[in-house]
Amino acid sequence: MAKFGRPKTETSAVTLRLHADVIQAIDDLRRKETDVPTRPEMIRRMLADWLDEKSQREK
């Protein structure tokens, strides 16, 4: 029988509060994506892009 529940991953939960304007900006951006990611996924993408750009600038 298959196991149910969340798969084990190398991640940690981060909880934060954001101003309504910031949430609206995130929602506006995610709706422009072809796959319309969830808010958490959009934030992951935004952070990954920012970290990539930051590392490129530091070279």
C-alpha atoms as a PDB file:
ATOM      1  CA  MET A   1       0.000   0.000   0.000  1.00  0.00           C
ATOM      2  CA  ALA A   2       1.298   3.477  -0.905  1.00  0.00           C
ATOM      3  CA  LYS A   3       2.165   5.928   1.831  1.00  0.00           C
ATOM      4  CA  PHE A   4       0.105   9.084   2.025  1.00  0.00           C
ATOM      5  CA  GLY A   5       1.124  12.521   3.193  1.00  0.00           C
ATOM      6  CA  ARG A   6       3.886  14.908   2.351  1.00  0.00           C
ATOM      7  CA  PRO A   7       7.058  13.497   0.849  1.00  0.00           C
ATOM      8  CA  LYS A   8      10.211  13.959   2.882  1.00  0.00           C
ATOM      9  CA  THR A   9      12.308  16.799   1.548  1.00  0.00           C
ATOM     10  CA  GLU A  10      15.315  18.861   2.483  1.00  0.00           C
ATOM     11  CA  THR A  11      13.204  21.933   3.235  1.00  0.00           C
ATOM     12  CA  SER A  12      12.093  24.039   6.163  1.00  0.00           C
ATOM     13  CA  ALA A  13       8.885  26.011   6.544  1.00  0.00           C
ATOM     14  CA  VAL A  14       9.111  29.796   6.700  1.00  0.00           C
ATOM     15  CA  THR A  15       6.122  31.768   7.913  1.00  0.00           C
ATOM     16  CA  LEU A  16       5.856  35.482   7.264  1.00  0.00           C
ATOM     17  CA  ARG A  17       3.292  38.227   7.026  1.00  0.00           C
ATOM     18  CA  LEU A  18       3.184  40.502   4.017  1.00  0.00           C
ATOM     19  CA  HIS A  19       1.365  43.778   3.463  1.00  0.00           C
ATOM     20  CA  ALA A  20      -1.703  43.518   1.228  1.00  0.00           C
ATOM     21  CA  ASP A  21       0.053  45.570  -1.473  1.00  0.00           C
ATOM     22  CA  VAL A  22       2.919  43.069  -1.622  1.00  0.00           C
ATOM     23  CA  ILE A  23       0.517  40.126  -1.841  1.00  0.00           C
ATOM     24  CA  GLN A  24      -1.360  41.878  -4.636  1.00  0.00           C
ATOM     25  CA  ALA A  25       1.895  42.451  -6.531  1.00  0.00           C
ATOM     26  CA  ILE A  26       2.805  38.754  -6.148  1.00  0.00           C
ATOM     27  CA  ASP A  27      -0.668  37.724  -7.328  1.00  0.00           C
ATOM     28  CA  ASP A  28      -0.414  40.041 -10.338  1.00  0.00           C
ATOM     29  CA  LEU A  29       2.939  38.532 -11.310  1.00  0.00           C
ATOM     30  CA  ARG A  30       1.867  34.934 -10.855  1.00  0.00           C
ATOM     31  CA  ARG A  31      -1.203  35.419 -13.055  1.00  0.00           C
ATOM     32  CA  LYS A  32       1.150  36.425 -15.886  1.00  0.00           C
ATOM     33  CA  GLU A  33       2.852  33.017 -15.702  1.00  0.00           C
ATOM     34  CA  THR A  34       1.566  30.376 -18.137  1.00  0.00           C
ATOM     35  CA  ASP A  35       1.086  27.812 -15.343  1.00  0.00           C
ATOM     36  CA  VAL A  36      -0.291  30.254 -12.680  1.00  0.00           C
ATOM     37  CA  PRO A  37       1.789  29.039  -9.728  1.00  0.00           C
ATOM     38  CA  THR A  38       0.605  29.167  -6.139  1.00  0.00           C
ATOM     39  CA  ARG A  39       1.743  32.102  -4.014  1.00  0.00           C
ATOM     40  CA  PRO A  40       4.422  30.022  -2.270  1.00  0.00           C
ATOM     41  CA  GLU A  41       5.722  28.727  -5.620  1.00  0.00           C
ATOM     42  CA  MET A  42       5.792  32.256  -7.059  1.00  0.00           C
ATOM     43  CA  ILE A  43       7.744  33.485  -4.031  1.00  0.00           C
ATOM     44  CA  ARG A  44      10.193  30.565  -4.496  1.00  0.00           C
ATOM     45  CA  ARG A  45      10.663  31.544  -8.141  1.00  0.00           C
ATOM     46  CA  MET A  46      11.132  35.198  -7.281  1.00  0.00           C
ATOM     47  CA  LEU A  47      13.731  34.350  -4.620  1.00  0.00           C
ATOM     48  CA  ALA A  48      15.553  31.966  -6.959  1.00  0.00           C
ATOM     49  CA  ASP A  49      15.675  34.650  -9.673  1.00  0.00           C
ATOM     50  CA  TRP A  50      16.886  37.276  -7.208  1.00  0.00           C
ATOM     51  CA  LEU A  51      19.583  34.989  -5.809  1.00  0.00           C
ATOM     52  CA  ASP A  52      20.725  34.090  -9.326  1.00  0.00           C
ATOM     53  CA  GLU A  53      20.919  37.759 -10.360  1.00  0.00           C
ATOM     54  CA  LYS A  54      22.742  38.633  -7.140  1.00  0.00           C
ATOM     55  CA  SER A  55      25.336  35.918  -7.682  1.00  0.00           C
ATOM     56  CA  GLN A  56      25.839  37.045 -11.296  1.00  0.00           C
ATOM     57  CA  ARG A  57      26.480  40.643 -10.169  1.00  0.00           C
ATOM     58  CA  GLU A  58      29.027  39.508  -7.585  1.00  0.00           C
ATOM     59  CA  LYS A  59      31.224  37.767 -10.173  1.00  0.00           C
END
